[in-house]
Amino acid sequence: MSCELRDLREKGRVVVFTNGCFDLLHPGHLKYLEEAKSWGDILVVAINSDESVKRLKGRGRPIMDERSRCEVIAGLHCVDFVTTFSEDTPGKIIDELLPGVLVKGGDWPTDKIVGRETVEKHGGKVMNIKFEADFSTTGVIRKIERTALEREAGPSD
């Protein structure tokens, strides 16, 4: 992937990088990835491995295995490349790819974004995208659990 991205950069294309677990795809994810793509020409999405998600999110996660998550994200029109990483942060991938734009959700303070120093040192930009508070994977999981409990309890009178 990095040779192909290097060739694209040499042709003047701006590589945008973002990362996340993307466990259950929801409208917040889609809006986020579409906006990330708008900051450049090529969008690279790094997805946390199953082991990494377990460490970060806890028991019962991920819901979907990494191969399935990669397949879903790769199928989005705004995504050009997908990769995975096993570490808790994507620092190594960012150091290797040196994207022109590094994007994270607005819930991350800019000074806490992993890879910020590397990207800025090489002339790139770091962008925050507004966090979609109405959507979260945890919220979707909780709604599914509530619905299941309500169904088990039977009809309410």
N, C-alpha and C. Protein backbone atom coordinates (compact mmCIF):
# COMPACT_ATOMS: atom_id res chain seq x y z
N MET A 1 0.82 -1.20 0.00
CA MET A 1 0.00 0.00 0.00
C MET A 1 0.86 1.26 0.00
N SER A 2 1.94 1.29 0.77
CA SER A 2 2.70 2.53 0.88
C SER A 2 3.37 2.93 -0.43
N CYS A 3 3.79 1.96 -1.27
CA CYS A 3 4.38 2.30 -2.57
C CYS A 3 3.34 2.96 -3.46
N GLU A 4 2.14 2.41 -3.46
CA GLU A 4 1.06 2.97 -4.26
C GLU A 4 0.72 4.38 -3.78
N LEU A 5 0.67 4.57 -2.46
CA LEU A 5 0.38 5.90 -1.91
C LEU A 5 1.50 6.87 -2.21
N ARG A 6 2.74 6.41 -2.16
CA ARG A 6 3.86 7.28 -2.50
C ARG A 6 3.73 7.76 -3.94
N ASP A 7 3.36 6.85 -4.85
CA ASP A 7 3.18 7.23 -6.25
C ASP A 7 2.06 8.27 -6.40
N LEU A 8 0.98 8.07 -5.68
CA LEU A 8 -0.14 9.02 -5.74
C LEU A 8 0.27 10.39 -5.20
N ARG A 9 1.04 10.40 -4.09
CA ARG A 9 1.52 11.67 -3.53
C ARG A 9 2.42 12.39 -4.53
N GLU A 10 3.29 11.62 -5.20
CA GLU A 10 4.19 12.22 -6.19
C GLU A 10 3.42 12.85 -7.36
N LYS A 11 2.21 12.35 -7.58
CA LYS A 11 1.36 12.91 -8.64
C LYS A 11 0.52 14.08 -8.11
N GLY A 12 0.79 14.50 -6.86
CA GLY A 12 0.11 15.66 -6.29
C GLY A 12 -1.17 15.35 -5.55
N ARG A 13 -1.47 14.09 -5.34
CA ARG A 13 -2.68 13.71 -4.62
C ARG A 13 -2.47 13.87 -3.11
N VAL A 14 -3.50 14.34 -2.41
CA VAL A 14 -3.43 14.51 -0.96
C VAL A 14 -4.01 13.27 -0.30
N VAL A 15 -3.17 12.62 0.53
CA VAL A 15 -3.59 11.42 1.25
C VAL A 15 -4.13 11.83 2.61
N VAL A 16 -5.35 11.39 2.90
CA VAL A 16 -6.01 11.64 4.18
C VAL A 16 -6.02 10.33 4.94
N PHE A 17 -5.73 10.40 6.23
CA PHE A 17 -5.69 9.20 7.07
C PHE A 17 -6.60 9.38 8.27
N THR A 18 -7.32 8.32 8.60
CA THR A 18 -8.07 8.27 9.85
C THR A 18 -8.09 6.83 10.33
N ASN A 19 -8.54 6.67 11.55
CA ASN A 19 -8.58 5.32 12.12
C ASN A 19 -9.72 5.18 13.10
N GLY A 20 -10.02 3.94 13.45
CA GLY A 20 -11.04 3.67 14.44
C GLY A 20 -11.39 2.20 14.49
N CYS A 21 -12.30 1.86 15.40
CA CYS A 21 -12.75 0.48 15.54
C CYS A 21 -13.80 0.13 14.49
N PHE A 22 -14.74 1.06 14.23
CA PHE A 22 -15.80 0.87 13.24
C PHE A 22 -16.50 -0.47 13.43
N ASP A 23 -16.92 -0.72 14.67
CA ASP A 23 -17.47 -2.02 15.04
C ASP A 23 -18.84 -2.29 14.42
N LEU A 24 -19.76 -1.39 14.58
CA LEU A 24 -21.07 -1.48 13.92
C LEU A 24 -21.26 -0.18 13.15
N LEU A 25 -21.24 -0.27 11.85
CA LEU A 25 -21.32 0.93 11.03
C LEU A 25 -22.67 1.62 11.22
N HIS A 26 -22.63 2.93 11.47
CA HIS A 26 -23.84 3.71 11.66
C HIS A 26 -23.69 5.05 10.92
N PRO A 27 -24.76 5.85 10.82
CA PRO A 27 -24.69 7.11 10.07
C PRO A 27 -23.59 8.05 10.55
N GLY A 28 -23.26 8.05 11.83
CA GLY A 28 -22.16 8.90 12.32
C GLY A 28 -20.84 8.53 11.68
N HIS A 29 -20.60 7.23 11.53
CA HIS A 29 -19.37 6.78 10.86
C HIS A 29 -19.34 7.26 9.41
N LEU A 30 -20.45 7.08 8.72
CA LEU A 30 -20.50 7.45 7.31
C LEU A 30 -20.27 8.95 7.12
N LYS A 31 -20.93 9.78 7.91
CA LYS A 31 -20.73 11.23 7.82
C LYS A 31 -19.29 11.60 8.10
N TYR A 32 -18.71 10.97 9.11
CA TYR A 32 -17.32 11.22 9.49
C TYR A 32 -16.37 10.87 8.34
N LEU A 33 -16.54 9.69 7.75
CA LEU A 33 -15.64 9.26 6.68
C LEU A 33 -15.82 10.10 5.42
N GLU A 34 -17.05 10.48 5.12
CA GLU A 34 -17.27 11.35 3.96
C GLU A 34 -16.61 12.71 4.16
N GLU A 35 -16.72 13.26 5.36
CA GLU A 35 -16.06 14.55 5.61
C GLU A 35 -14.54 14.40 5.58
N ALA A 36 -14.03 13.31 6.14
CA ALA A 36 -12.58 13.07 6.11
C ALA A 36 -12.09 13.08 4.66
N LYS A 37 -12.80 12.38 3.79
CA LYS A 37 -12.42 12.31 2.38
C LYS A 37 -12.41 13.69 1.73
N SER A 38 -13.30 14.58 2.18
CA SER A 38 -13.39 15.91 1.58
C SER A 38 -12.13 16.75 1.81
N TRP A 39 -11.26 16.33 2.72
CA TRP A 39 -10.03 17.08 3.01
C TRP A 39 -8.88 16.70 2.08
N GLY A 40 -9.11 15.75 1.16
CA GLY A 40 -8.05 15.36 0.24
C GLY A 40 -8.58 14.51 -0.89
N ASP A 41 -7.66 13.75 -1.50
CA ASP A 41 -8.01 12.95 -2.67
C ASP A 41 -8.14 11.46 -2.38
N ILE A 42 -7.33 10.96 -1.47
CA ILE A 42 -7.26 9.53 -1.17
C ILE A 42 -7.51 9.35 0.31
N LEU A 43 -8.50 8.52 0.68
CA LEU A 43 -8.78 8.27 2.09
C LEU A 43 -8.31 6.88 2.48
N VAL A 44 -7.41 6.86 3.47
CA VAL A 44 -6.90 5.62 4.04
C VAL A 44 -7.52 5.48 5.43
N VAL A 45 -8.15 4.33 5.69
CA VAL A 45 -8.77 4.06 6.98
C VAL A 45 -8.05 2.88 7.62
N ALA A 46 -7.51 3.11 8.81
CA ALA A 46 -6.86 2.04 9.57
C ALA A 46 -7.85 1.58 10.65
N ILE A 47 -8.09 0.28 10.68
CA ILE A 47 -9.07 -0.30 11.59
C ILE A 47 -8.35 -1.09 12.68
N ASN A 48 -8.76 -0.86 13.92
CA ASN A 48 -8.18 -1.62 15.04
C ASN A 48 -8.45 -3.11 14.85
N SER A 49 -7.43 -3.93 15.11
CA SER A 49 -7.60 -5.38 15.06
C SER A 49 -8.56 -5.82 16.16
N ASP A 50 -9.01 -7.05 16.08
CA ASP A 50 -9.91 -7.58 17.11
C ASP A 50 -9.28 -7.49 18.50
N GLU A 51 -8.00 -7.85 18.61
CA GLU A 51 -7.31 -7.81 19.90
C GLU A 51 -7.23 -6.38 20.44
N SER A 52 -6.96 -5.45 19.56
CA SER A 52 -6.88 -4.04 19.96
C SER A 52 -8.23 -3.53 20.44
N VAL A 53 -9.31 -3.90 19.74
CA VAL A 53 -10.66 -3.46 20.15
C VAL A 53 -10.99 -4.04 21.52
N LYS A 54 -10.65 -5.31 21.75
CA LYS A 54 -10.92 -5.93 23.06
C LYS A 54 -10.22 -5.16 24.17
N ARG A 55 -8.97 -4.78 23.93
CA ARG A 55 -8.23 -4.02 24.95
C ARG A 55 -8.84 -2.65 25.19
N LEU A 56 -9.27 -1.99 24.12
CA LEU A 56 -9.78 -0.62 24.23
C LEU A 56 -11.24 -0.54 24.69
N LYS A 57 -12.07 -1.47 24.23
CA LYS A 57 -13.52 -1.38 24.46
C LYS A 57 -14.04 -2.35 25.52
N GLY A 58 -13.27 -3.40 25.83
CA GLY A 58 -13.69 -4.30 26.88
C GLY A 58 -14.39 -5.56 26.40
N ARG A 59 -14.88 -6.29 27.38
CA ARG A 59 -15.53 -7.57 27.15
C ARG A 59 -16.70 -7.45 26.18
N GLY A 60 -16.83 -8.41 25.32
CA GLY A 60 -17.93 -8.43 24.37
C GLY A 60 -17.70 -7.65 23.10
N ARG A 61 -16.56 -7.03 22.96
CA ARG A 61 -16.25 -6.27 21.76
C ARG A 61 -14.99 -6.86 21.11
N PRO A 62 -14.88 -6.82 19.83
CA PRO A 62 -15.81 -6.22 18.89
C PRO A 62 -17.02 -7.12 18.64
N ILE A 63 -18.06 -6.53 18.12
CA ILE A 63 -19.24 -7.29 17.71
C ILE A 63 -18.93 -7.99 16.39
N MET A 64 -18.37 -7.25 15.45
CA MET A 64 -17.99 -7.82 14.15
C MET A 64 -16.48 -8.04 14.12
N ASP A 65 -16.04 -9.15 13.54
CA ASP A 65 -14.60 -9.41 13.47
C ASP A 65 -13.94 -8.44 12.50
N GLU A 66 -12.61 -8.34 12.62
CA GLU A 66 -11.89 -7.32 11.84
C GLU A 66 -12.04 -7.51 10.33
N ARG A 67 -12.09 -8.73 9.87
CA ARG A 67 -12.25 -8.95 8.43
C ARG A 67 -13.59 -8.38 7.95
N SER A 68 -14.64 -8.62 8.71
CA SER A 68 -15.96 -8.09 8.35
C SER A 68 -15.97 -6.57 8.40
N ARG A 69 -15.35 -6.00 9.44
CA ARG A 69 -15.30 -4.54 9.56
C ARG A 69 -14.55 -3.94 8.40
N CYS A 70 -13.45 -4.56 8.01
CA CYS A 70 -12.67 -4.07 6.86
C CYS A 70 -13.49 -4.13 5.58
N GLU A 71 -14.21 -5.22 5.40
CA GLU A 71 -15.00 -5.39 4.19
C GLU A 71 -16.09 -4.32 4.09
N VAL A 72 -16.75 -4.04 5.19
CA VAL A 72 -17.81 -3.03 5.18
C VAL A 72 -17.22 -1.64 4.90
N ILE A 73 -16.16 -1.28 5.57
CA ILE A 73 -15.54 0.04 5.37
C ILE A 73 -15.00 0.17 3.95
N ALA A 74 -14.36 -0.89 3.45
CA ALA A 74 -13.80 -0.85 2.09
C ALA A 74 -14.89 -0.68 1.03
N GLY A 75 -16.12 -1.09 1.35
CA GLY A 75 -17.22 -0.98 0.40
C GLY A 75 -17.82 0.41 0.30
N LEU A 76 -17.40 1.32 1.16
CA LEU A 76 -17.92 2.69 1.12
C LEU A 76 -17.28 3.47 -0.03
N HIS A 77 -18.08 4.25 -0.73
CA HIS A 77 -17.58 4.99 -1.89
C HIS A 77 -16.48 5.99 -1.53
N CYS A 78 -16.43 6.47 -0.32
CA CYS A 78 -15.46 7.50 0.06
C CYS A 78 -14.12 6.91 0.51
N VAL A 79 -14.04 5.61 0.69
CA VAL A 79 -12.82 4.98 1.22
C VAL A 79 -12.02 4.36 0.08
N ASP A 80 -10.72 4.68 0.04
CA ASP A 80 -9.84 4.18 -1.02
C ASP A 80 -8.97 3.01 -0.59
N PHE A 81 -8.49 3.05 0.66
CA PHE A 81 -7.64 1.98 1.18
C PHE A 81 -8.05 1.67 2.61
N VAL A 82 -7.95 0.40 2.99
CA VAL A 82 -8.22 -0.03 4.36
C VAL A 82 -7.06 -0.90 4.81
N THR A 83 -6.65 -0.70 6.05
CA THR A 83 -5.63 -1.54 6.66
C THR A 83 -6.02 -1.77 8.11
N THR A 84 -5.32 -2.66 8.78
CA THR A 84 -5.58 -2.90 10.21
C THR A 84 -4.29 -2.66 10.98
N PHE A 85 -4.46 -2.46 12.29
CA PHE A 85 -3.30 -2.36 13.17
C PHE A 85 -3.64 -3.02 14.49
N SER A 86 -2.63 -3.63 15.11
CA SER A 86 -2.84 -4.39 16.35
C SER A 86 -2.51 -3.60 17.60
N GLU A 87 -1.77 -2.52 17.44
CA GLU A 87 -1.40 -1.69 18.59
C GLU A 87 -2.63 -0.92 19.07
N ASP A 88 -2.52 -0.29 20.23
CA ASP A 88 -3.62 0.52 20.73
C ASP A 88 -3.77 1.84 19.98
N THR A 89 -2.71 2.28 19.31
CA THR A 89 -2.75 3.52 18.53
C THR A 89 -2.18 3.25 17.13
N PRO A 90 -2.51 4.10 16.16
CA PRO A 90 -2.01 3.93 14.80
C PRO A 90 -0.68 4.64 14.55
N GLY A 91 0.05 4.94 15.59
CA GLY A 91 1.28 5.72 15.44
C GLY A 91 2.25 5.18 14.41
N LYS A 92 2.48 3.87 14.42
CA LYS A 92 3.44 3.26 13.48
C LYS A 92 3.00 3.43 12.03
N ILE A 93 1.71 3.26 11.78
CA ILE A 93 1.20 3.40 10.41
C ILE A 93 1.33 4.85 9.95
N ILE A 94 1.01 5.78 10.82
CA ILE A 94 1.11 7.20 10.47
C ILE A 94 2.56 7.55 10.16
N ASP A 95 3.49 7.05 10.97
CA ASP A 95 4.92 7.30 10.72
C ASP A 95 5.35 6.76 9.36
N GLU A 96 4.79 5.63 8.96
CA GLU A 96 5.14 5.02 7.68
C GLU A 96 4.49 5.73 6.50
N LEU A 97 3.20 6.05 6.63
CA LEU A 97 2.46 6.63 5.51
C LEU A 97 2.67 8.12 5.32
N LEU A 98 2.92 8.85 6.41
CA LEU A 98 3.06 10.30 6.37
C LEU A 98 1.95 10.96 5.56
N PRO A 99 0.71 10.83 6.02
CA PRO A 99 -0.41 11.42 5.28
C PRO A 99 -0.33 12.94 5.26
N GLY A 100 -0.93 13.53 4.24
CA GLY A 100 -0.98 14.99 4.15
C GLY A 100 -1.99 15.58 5.11
N VAL A 101 -3.01 14.77 5.45
CA VAL A 101 -4.05 15.21 6.39
C VAL A 101 -4.35 14.04 7.33
N LEU A 102 -4.33 14.34 8.61
CA LEU A 102 -4.69 13.37 9.66
C LEU A 102 -6.00 13.83 10.26
N VAL A 103 -7.00 12.95 10.30
CA VAL A 103 -8.34 13.32 10.76
C VAL A 103 -8.75 12.46 11.94
N LYS A 104 -9.34 13.12 12.95
CA LYS A 104 -9.96 12.41 14.09
C LYS A 104 -11.26 13.13 14.42
N GLY A 105 -12.08 12.45 15.18
CA GLY A 105 -13.35 13.03 15.60
C GLY A 105 -13.13 14.16 16.59
N GLY A 106 -14.09 15.05 16.67
CA GLY A 106 -14.01 16.21 17.54
C GLY A 106 -13.95 15.87 19.01
N ASP A 107 -14.20 14.61 19.37
CA ASP A 107 -14.08 14.21 20.77
C ASP A 107 -12.62 14.04 21.18
N TRP A 108 -11.70 14.16 20.22
CA TRP A 108 -10.27 14.09 20.50
C TRP A 108 -9.68 15.49 20.48
N PRO A 109 -9.12 15.97 21.59
CA PRO A 109 -8.41 17.27 21.55
C PRO A 109 -7.22 17.15 20.61
N THR A 110 -6.99 18.18 19.82
CA THR A 110 -5.93 18.15 18.81
C THR A 110 -4.58 17.76 19.40
N ASP A 111 -4.26 18.25 20.59
CA ASP A 111 -2.96 17.95 21.18
C ASP A 111 -2.84 16.50 21.66
N LYS A 112 -3.93 15.75 21.65
CA LYS A 112 -3.91 14.34 22.06
C LYS A 112 -3.99 13.38 20.88
N ILE A 113 -4.06 13.90 19.68
CA ILE A 113 -4.19 13.04 18.50
C ILE A 113 -2.84 12.39 18.19
N VAL A 114 -2.83 11.06 18.22
CA VAL A 114 -1.61 10.30 17.93
C VAL A 114 -1.20 10.56 16.48
N GLY A 115 0.04 10.88 16.26
CA GLY A 115 0.56 11.15 14.93
C GLY A 115 0.58 12.61 14.55
N ARG A 116 -0.02 13.46 15.37
CA ARG A 116 -0.09 14.90 15.06
C ARG A 116 1.29 15.49 14.80
N GLU A 117 2.21 15.24 15.72
CA GLU A 117 3.55 15.83 15.59
C GLU A 117 4.23 15.37 14.30
N THR A 118 4.11 14.09 13.99
CA THR A 118 4.74 13.54 12.77
C THR A 118 4.16 14.20 11.53
N VAL A 119 2.84 14.28 11.46
CA VAL A 119 2.18 14.85 10.28
C VAL A 119 2.54 16.32 10.13
N GLU A 120 2.45 17.08 11.21
CA GLU A 120 2.76 18.51 11.13
C GLU A 120 4.24 18.74 10.80
N LYS A 121 5.12 17.91 11.34
CA LYS A 121 6.56 18.05 11.07
C LYS A 121 6.86 17.88 9.57
N HIS A 122 6.03 17.09 8.89
CA HIS A 122 6.23 16.85 7.46
C HIS A 122 5.32 17.73 6.60
N GLY A 123 4.79 18.81 7.20
CA GLY A 123 4.02 19.78 6.44
C GLY A 123 2.54 19.46 6.27
N GLY A 124 2.06 18.43 6.95
CA GLY A 124 0.65 18.07 6.84
C GLY A 124 -0.22 18.80 7.83
N LYS A 125 -1.53 18.55 7.72
CA LYS A 125 -2.52 19.19 8.58
C LYS A 125 -3.20 18.13 9.44
N VAL A 126 -3.66 18.57 10.61
CA VAL A 126 -4.45 17.72 11.50
C VAL A 126 -5.81 18.37 11.65
N MET A 127 -6.86 17.60 11.39
CA MET A 127 -8.22 18.13 11.40
C MET A 127 -9.09 17.37 12.39
N ASN A 128 -9.96 18.11 13.06
CA ASN A 128 -11.00 17.52 13.91
C ASN A 128 -12.32 17.62 13.16
N ILE A 129 -13.07 16.55 13.19
CA ILE A 129 -14.40 16.55 12.58
C ILE A 129 -15.41 16.48 13.71
N LYS A 130 -16.44 17.28 13.60
CA LYS A 130 -17.47 17.35 14.64
C LYS A 130 -17.96 15.95 14.98
N PHE A 131 -18.01 15.68 16.28
CA PHE A 131 -18.46 14.41 16.80
C PHE A 131 -19.98 14.33 16.69
N GLU A 132 -20.49 13.27 16.10
CA GLU A 132 -21.93 13.05 15.97
C GLU A 132 -22.46 12.43 17.25
N ALA A 133 -22.90 13.24 18.18
CA ALA A 133 -23.32 12.77 19.50
C ALA A 133 -24.54 11.85 19.44
N ASP A 134 -25.36 11.96 18.40
CA ASP A 134 -26.56 11.14 18.30
C ASP A 134 -26.26 9.69 17.91
N PHE A 135 -25.04 9.43 17.46
CA PHE A 135 -24.69 8.10 16.99
C PHE A 135 -23.45 7.59 17.70
N SER A 136 -23.53 6.36 18.18
CA SER A 136 -22.35 5.68 18.70
C SER A 136 -22.60 4.18 18.68
N THR A 137 -21.54 3.42 18.51
CA THR A 137 -21.68 1.97 18.52
C THR A 137 -22.20 1.50 19.86
N THR A 138 -21.69 2.08 20.94
CA THR A 138 -22.16 1.71 22.27
C THR A 138 -23.66 1.98 22.41
N GLY A 139 -24.12 3.10 21.88
CA GLY A 139 -25.55 3.43 21.91
C GLY A 139 -26.38 2.42 21.13
N VAL A 140 -25.88 2.00 19.97
CA VAL A 140 -26.59 0.99 19.17
C VAL A 140 -26.67 -0.32 19.94
N ILE A 141 -25.56 -0.72 20.55
CA ILE A 141 -25.55 -1.97 21.32
C ILE A 141 -26.54 -1.89 22.48
N ARG A 142 -26.56 -0.78 23.19
CA ARG A 142 -27.50 -0.61 24.31
C ARG A 142 -28.95 -0.69 23.84
N LYS A 143 -29.25 -0.09 22.71
CA LYS A 143 -30.61 -0.13 22.18
C LYS A 143 -31.00 -1.57 21.83
N ILE A 144 -30.09 -2.31 21.23
CA ILE A 144 -30.36 -3.72 20.91
C ILE A 144 -30.63 -4.51 22.19
N GLU A 145 -29.80 -4.27 23.20
CA GLU A 145 -29.99 -4.97 24.48
C GLU A 145 -31.34 -4.63 25.11
N ARG A 146 -31.71 -3.34 25.12
CA ARG A 146 -33.01 -2.92 25.68
C ARG A 146 -34.17 -3.57 24.93
N THR A 147 -34.07 -3.59 23.62
CA THR A 147 -35.12 -4.18 22.79
C THR A 147 -35.25 -5.67 23.09
N ALA A 148 -34.13 -6.35 23.22
CA ALA A 148 -34.15 -7.78 23.53
C ALA A 148 -34.79 -8.03 24.88
N LEU A 149 -34.45 -7.21 25.87
CA LEU A 149 -35.03 -7.36 27.20
C LEU A 149 -36.54 -7.11 27.19
N GLU A 150 -36.95 -6.11 26.43
CA GLU A 150 -38.38 -5.80 26.32
C GLU A 150 -39.13 -6.96 25.67
N ARG A 151 -38.53 -7.57 24.66
CA ARG A 151 -39.19 -8.70 23.99
C ARG A 151 -39.30 -9.90 24.93
N GLU A 152 -38.25 -10.12 25.74
CA GLU A 152 -38.29 -11.22 26.71
C GLU A 152 -39.37 -10.99 27.75
N ALA A 153 -39.58 -9.75 28.14
CA ALA A 153 -40.57 -9.42 29.15
C ALA A 153 -41.99 -9.56 28.62
N GLY A 154 -42.16 -9.60 27.32
CA GLY A 154 -43.48 -9.75 26.74
C GLY A 154 -44.17 -8.41 26.55
N PRO A 155 -45.39 -8.47 26.04
CA PRO A 155 -46.11 -7.21 25.77
C PRO A 155 -46.44 -6.46 27.06
N SER A 156 -46.34 -5.15 26.97
CA SER A 156 -46.69 -4.34 28.15
C SER A 156 -48.17 -4.02 28.11
N ASP A 157 -48.78 -4.03 29.27
CA ASP A 157 -50.23 -3.78 29.36
C ASP A 157 -50.51 -2.35 29.66
